């Protein structure tokens, strides 16, 4: 049986294909720079995403700087430049 691309009516198919795919599943966290930041918000944003303590992540990041030859510093700067800042909380 061949599909001619026709959409099926029903609650799961109210929107077009592109709109259904664009929905973000509930509970999925997005990596952003945190507003609770010390420097750039990268460590706090990663900590929020993985549900860890931001201070611990900052210590790990700082201790890994000399061990990695500065690569984690470059990674931090790249993330600082590329990650969007966390949106402002909605006022209701």
C-alpha atoms as a PDB file:
ATOM      1  CA  UNK A   1       0.000   0.000   0.000  1.00  0.00           C
ATOM      2  CA  UNK A   2       1.424   3.369  -1.014  1.00  0.00           C
ATOM      3  CA  UNK A   3       1.012   6.561   0.924  1.00  0.00           C
ATOM      4  CA  UNK A   4       0.018   9.589  -1.080  1.00  0.00           C
ATOM      5  CA  UNK A   5       1.099  11.988   1.680  1.00  0.00           C
ATOM      6  CA  UNK A   6      -2.457  12.805   2.764  1.00  0.00           C
ATOM      7  CA  UNK A   7      -2.804  13.920   6.362  1.00  0.00           C
ATOM      8  CA  UNK A   8      -4.952  11.973   8.743  1.00  0.00           C
ATOM      9  CA  UNK A   9      -7.528  13.923  10.709  1.00  0.00           C
ATOM     10  CA  UNK A  10      -7.460  13.610  14.456  1.00  0.00           C
ATOM     11  CA  UNK A  11      -5.953  15.077  17.612  1.00  0.00           C
ATOM     12  CA  UNK A  12      -2.412  13.925  16.731  1.00  0.00           C
ATOM     13  CA  UNK A  13      -2.567  15.446  13.272  1.00  0.00           C
ATOM     14  CA  UNK A  14      -4.102  18.881  13.800  1.00  0.00           C
ATOM     15  CA  UNK A  15      -0.910  20.650  12.756  1.00  0.00           C
ATOM     16  CA  UNK A  16       1.123  20.280   9.604  1.00  0.00           C
ATOM     17  CA  UNK A  17       4.144  18.006   9.573  1.00  0.00           C
ATOM     18  CA  UNK A  18       6.685  20.772  10.145  1.00  0.00           C
ATOM     19  CA  UNK A  19       4.816  22.112  13.165  1.00  0.00           C
ATOM     20  CA  UNK A  20       4.550  18.704  14.826  1.00  0.00           C
ATOM     21  CA  UNK A  21       8.278  18.107  14.441  1.00  0.00           C
ATOM     22  CA  UNK A  22       9.131  21.554  15.837  1.00  0.00           C
ATOM     23  CA  UNK A  23       7.483  20.900  19.209  1.00  0.00           C
ATOM     24  CA  UNK A  24       9.907  20.454  22.106  1.00  0.00           C
ATOM     25  CA  UNK A  25       9.084  17.496  24.360  1.00  0.00           C
ATOM     26  CA  UNK A  26       8.034  18.399  27.895  1.00  0.00           C
ATOM     27  CA  UNK A  27      10.811  18.229  30.459  1.00  0.00           C
ATOM     28  CA  UNK A  28      13.690  18.524  27.981  1.00  0.00           C
ATOM     29  CA  UNK A  29      16.223  21.043  29.254  1.00  0.00           C
ATOM     30  CA  UNK A  30      18.006  23.355  26.879  1.00  0.00           C
ATOM     31  CA  UNK A  31      21.642  24.339  27.412  1.00  0.00           C
ATOM     32  CA  UNK A  32      21.808  28.093  27.958  1.00  0.00           C
ATOM     33  CA  UNK A  33      24.041  30.503  29.854  1.00  0.00           C
ATOM     34  CA  UNK A  34      22.553  30.966  33.295  1.00  0.00           C
ATOM     35  CA  UNK A  35      21.535  34.292  34.759  1.00  0.00           C
ATOM     36  CA  UNK A  36      22.958  33.078  38.114  1.00  0.00           C
ATOM     37  CA  UNK A  37      26.488  33.579  36.897  1.00  0.00           C
ATOM     38  CA  UNK A  38      29.880  34.331  38.306  1.00  0.00           C
ATOM     39  CA  UNK A  39      31.666  35.012  35.012  1.00  0.00           C
ATOM     40  CA  UNK A  40      29.884  34.079  31.795  1.00  0.00           C
ATOM     41  CA  UNK A  41      27.144  31.802  33.099  1.00  0.00           C
ATOM     42  CA  UNK A  42      28.452  28.740  31.243  1.00  0.00           C
ATOM     43  CA  UNK A  43      29.286  26.603  34.296  1.00  0.00           C
ATOM     44  CA  UNK A  44      26.004  27.509  35.999  1.00  0.00           C
ATOM     45  CA  UNK A  45      24.075  26.751  32.790  1.00  0.00           C
ATOM     46  CA  UNK A  46      25.717  23.335  32.447  1.00  0.00           C
ATOM     47  CA  UNK A  47      25.084  22.686  36.158  1.00  0.00           C
ATOM     48  CA  UNK A  48      21.387  23.536  35.766  1.00  0.00           C
ATOM     49  CA  UNK A  49      21.108  21.254  32.765  1.00  0.00           C
ATOM     50  CA  UNK A  50      22.679  18.225  34.481  1.00  0.00           C
ATOM     51  CA  UNK A  51      21.232  19.060  37.900  1.00  0.00           C
ATOM     52  CA  UNK A  52      24.613  19.544  39.617  1.00  0.00           C
ATOM     53  CA  UNK A  53      26.175  22.108  41.919  1.00  0.00           C
ATOM     54  CA  UNK A  54      27.568  25.051  39.938  1.00  0.00           C
ATOM     55  CA  UNK A  55      30.412  25.564  42.441  1.00  0.00           C
ATOM     56  CA  UNK A  56      31.583  21.985  41.928  1.00  0.00           C
ATOM     57  CA  UNK A  57      31.529  22.397  38.154  1.00  0.00           C
ATOM     58  CA  UNK A  58      33.494  25.640  38.429  1.00  0.00           C
ATOM     59  CA  UNK A  59      36.154  23.896  40.549  1.00  0.00           C
ATOM     60  CA  UNK A  60      36.388  20.996  38.102  1.00  0.00           C
ATOM     61  CA  UNK A  61      36.655  23.438  35.208  1.00  0.00           C
ATOM     62  CA  UNK A  62      39.379  25.471  36.976  1.00  0.00           C
ATOM     63  CA  UNK A  63      41.376  22.373  37.953  1.00  0.00           C
ATOM     64  CA  UNK A  64      41.149  20.983  34.439  1.00  0.00           C
ATOM     65  CA  UNK A  65      42.657  24.126  32.877  1.00  0.00           C
ATOM     66  CA  UNK A  66      46.330  23.255  33.525  1.00  0.00           C
ATOM     67  CA  UNK A  67      45.713  19.526  33.010  1.00  0.00           C
ATOM     68  CA  UNK A  68      44.222  20.067  29.559  1.00  0.00           C
ATOM     69  CA  UNK A  69      46.790  22.598  28.434  1.00  0.00           C
ATOM     70  CA  UNK A  70      44.143  25.312  28.363  1.00  0.00           C
ATOM     71  CA  UNK A  71      41.690  23.445  26.107  1.00  0.00           C
ATOM     72  CA  UNK A  72      38.904  23.647  28.677  1.00  0.00           C
ATOM     73  CA  UNK A  73      39.460  27.415  28.791  1.00  0.00           C
ATOM     74  CA  UNK A  74      39.032  27.594  25.018  1.00  0.00           C
ATOM     75  CA  UNK A  75      35.905  25.420  25.299  1.00  0.00           C
ATOM     76  CA  UNK A  76      34.517  27.745  27.993  1.00  0.00           C
ATOM     77  CA  UNK A  77      35.095  30.804  25.807  1.00  0.00           C
ATOM     78  CA  UNK A  78      33.466  29.106  22.813  1.00  0.00           C
ATOM     79  CA  UNK A  79      30.433  28.132  24.878  1.00  0.00           C
ATOM     80  CA  UNK A  80      30.263  31.667  26.277  1.00  0.00           C
ATOM     81  CA  UNK A  81      30.187  33.062  22.754  1.00  0.00           C
ATOM     82  CA  UNK A  82      27.827  30.485  21.233  1.00  0.00           C
ATOM     83  CA  UNK A  83      25.266  29.689  23.915  1.00  0.00           C
ATOM     84  CA  UNK A  84      22.203  31.908  24.167  1.00  0.00           C
ATOM     85  CA  UNK A  85      21.509  33.545  27.514  1.00  0.00           C
ATOM     86  CA  UNK A  86      18.699  32.106  29.564  1.00  0.00           C
ATOM     87  CA  UNK A  87      15.455  33.987  28.816  1.00  0.00           C
ATOM     88  CA  UNK A  88      14.046  36.313  31.445  1.00  0.00           C
ATOM     89  CA  UNK A  89      11.354  34.731  33.634  1.00  0.00           C
ATOM     90  CA  UNK A  90       7.853  35.639  32.540  1.00  0.00           C
ATOM     91  CA  UNK A  91       6.082  38.183  34.698  1.00  0.00           C
ATOM     92  CA  UNK A  92       2.450  37.318  35.304  1.00  0.00           C
END
